[in-house]
């Protein structure tokens, strides 16, 4: 196991959900994608970021242009990535991450 994988495992809540273009996954499935390299994130150009705190919940919106390798093909897509974090007794954990592809390039 790599150190990066261990960090992701600790950050992701056990009940976390992940939404990618065309697929929804639970924590174990997302970790398998990371471990297997079936999606390799090469570069994310962050264009805008916002954070909203609502009680013990933090909602991060990141407008990005993502360069990745998916199924052996290099692709670039504009996304808004929504991350939802929940503060619990032992700190913050990721409860949801969704990639929404933008229609504009």
Protein backbone atom coordinates (compact mmCIF):
# COMPACT_ATOMS: atom_id res chain seq x y z
CA UNK A 1 0.00 0.00 0.00
CA UNK A 2 1.23 3.47 -0.80
CA UNK A 3 1.18 6.31 1.69
CA UNK A 4 -1.22 8.21 -0.59
CA UNK A 5 -3.72 5.33 -0.56
CA UNK A 6 -3.56 5.14 3.25
CA UNK A 7 -4.31 8.89 3.45
CA UNK A 8 -7.36 8.51 1.19
CA UNK A 9 -8.59 5.58 3.26
CA UNK A 10 -8.36 7.67 6.44
CA UNK A 11 -10.03 10.73 4.86
CA UNK A 12 -13.02 8.93 3.32
CA UNK A 13 -15.94 8.29 5.68
CA UNK A 14 -17.08 4.66 5.75
CA UNK A 15 -20.47 5.75 4.34
CA UNK A 16 -18.97 8.05 1.66
CA UNK A 17 -20.37 8.14 -1.87
CA UNK A 18 -18.58 9.16 -5.06
CA UNK A 19 -20.17 10.26 -8.33
CA UNK A 20 -18.14 10.23 -11.52
CA UNK A 21 -19.29 10.61 -15.12
CA UNK A 22 -21.48 7.55 -15.54
CA UNK A 23 -20.86 5.80 -12.21
CA UNK A 24 -21.63 6.01 -8.51
CA UNK A 25 -19.37 4.26 -6.01
CA UNK A 26 -18.99 3.48 -2.34
CA UNK A 27 -15.74 3.97 -0.43
CA UNK A 28 -14.30 0.53 -1.22
CA UNK A 29 -15.00 0.94 -4.94
CA UNK A 30 -13.41 4.41 -5.04
CA UNK A 31 -10.32 3.16 -3.21
CA UNK A 32 -10.06 0.32 -5.71
CA UNK A 33 -10.16 2.83 -8.59
CA UNK A 34 -7.34 4.78 -6.94
CA UNK A 35 -5.30 1.66 -6.15
CA UNK A 36 -5.75 0.08 -9.59
CA UNK A 37 -5.00 3.29 -11.47
CA UNK A 38 -8.05 2.85 -13.73
CA UNK A 39 -8.47 6.63 -13.40
CA UNK A 40 -5.20 8.53 -13.15
CA UNK A 41 -5.48 12.21 -12.32
CA UNK A 42 -2.61 14.00 -14.07
CA UNK A 43 -3.41 17.68 -13.59
CA UNK A 44 -6.22 19.78 -12.16
CA UNK A 45 -6.26 23.47 -12.99
CA UNK A 46 -8.38 25.06 -10.28
CA UNK A 47 -10.32 28.03 -11.64
CA UNK A 48 -12.66 28.85 -8.72
CA UNK A 49 -13.12 27.60 -5.17
CA UNK A 50 -15.76 28.28 -2.53
CA UNK A 51 -16.46 26.89 0.92
CA UNK A 52 -19.73 26.98 2.85
CA UNK A 53 -19.91 25.89 6.50
CA UNK A 54 -23.28 24.71 7.79
CA UNK A 55 -22.96 23.46 11.35
CA UNK A 56 -20.69 20.40 11.26
CA UNK A 57 -20.77 20.22 7.46
CA UNK A 58 -18.41 21.86 4.99
CA UNK A 59 -19.35 22.07 1.30
CA UNK A 60 -16.51 22.79 -1.12
CA UNK A 61 -17.16 23.69 -4.76
CA UNK A 62 -14.15 23.62 -7.07
CA UNK A 63 -14.42 24.62 -10.72
CA UNK A 64 -11.55 22.77 -12.42
CA UNK A 65 -10.19 21.68 -15.77
CA UNK A 66 -9.08 18.07 -15.24
CA UNK A 67 -6.51 16.17 -17.28
CA UNK A 68 -6.79 12.45 -16.57
CA UNK A 69 -6.15 9.04 -18.07
CA UNK A 70 -9.34 6.97 -18.16
CA UNK A 71 -9.32 3.49 -19.67
CA UNK A 72 -5.93 4.20 -21.23
CA UNK A 73 -7.14 7.39 -22.96
CA UNK A 74 -6.00 10.87 -21.97
CA UNK A 75 -8.99 13.21 -21.58
CA UNK A 76 -9.52 16.81 -20.50
CA UNK A 77 -12.85 17.93 -19.07
CA UNK A 78 -14.22 20.98 -17.26
CA UNK A 79 -15.90 20.01 -13.98
CA UNK A 80 -17.39 21.38 -10.83
CA UNK A 81 -16.25 19.07 -8.07
CA UNK A 82 -18.51 19.09 -5.04
CA UNK A 83 -16.96 17.79 -1.82
CA UNK A 84 -18.97 17.41 1.36
CA UNK A 85 -17.08 16.99 4.63
CA UNK A 86 -18.58 16.16 8.02
CA UNK A 87 -16.91 17.08 11.31
CA UNK A 88 -17.09 14.27 13.84
CA UNK A 89 -15.37 13.59 17.15
CA UNK A 90 -12.16 12.39 15.47
CA UNK A 91 -11.99 15.22 12.89
CA UNK A 92 -13.23 15.88 9.35
CA UNK A 93 -14.11 13.11 6.92
CA UNK A 94 -15.27 13.17 3.31
CA UNK A 95 -18.90 12.13 2.97
CA UNK A 96 -19.41 12.78 -0.73
CA UNK A 97 -17.49 13.78 -3.83
CA UNK A 98 -19.26 14.45 -7.12
CA UNK A 99 -17.82 15.41 -10.50
CA UNK A 100 -20.29 17.40 -12.60
CA UNK A 101 -19.08 17.93 -16.17
CA UNK A 102 -19.68 21.46 -17.42
CA UNK A 103 -21.12 22.06 -20.89
CA UNK A 104 -18.72 24.93 -21.53
CA UNK A 105 -15.10 24.23 -22.36
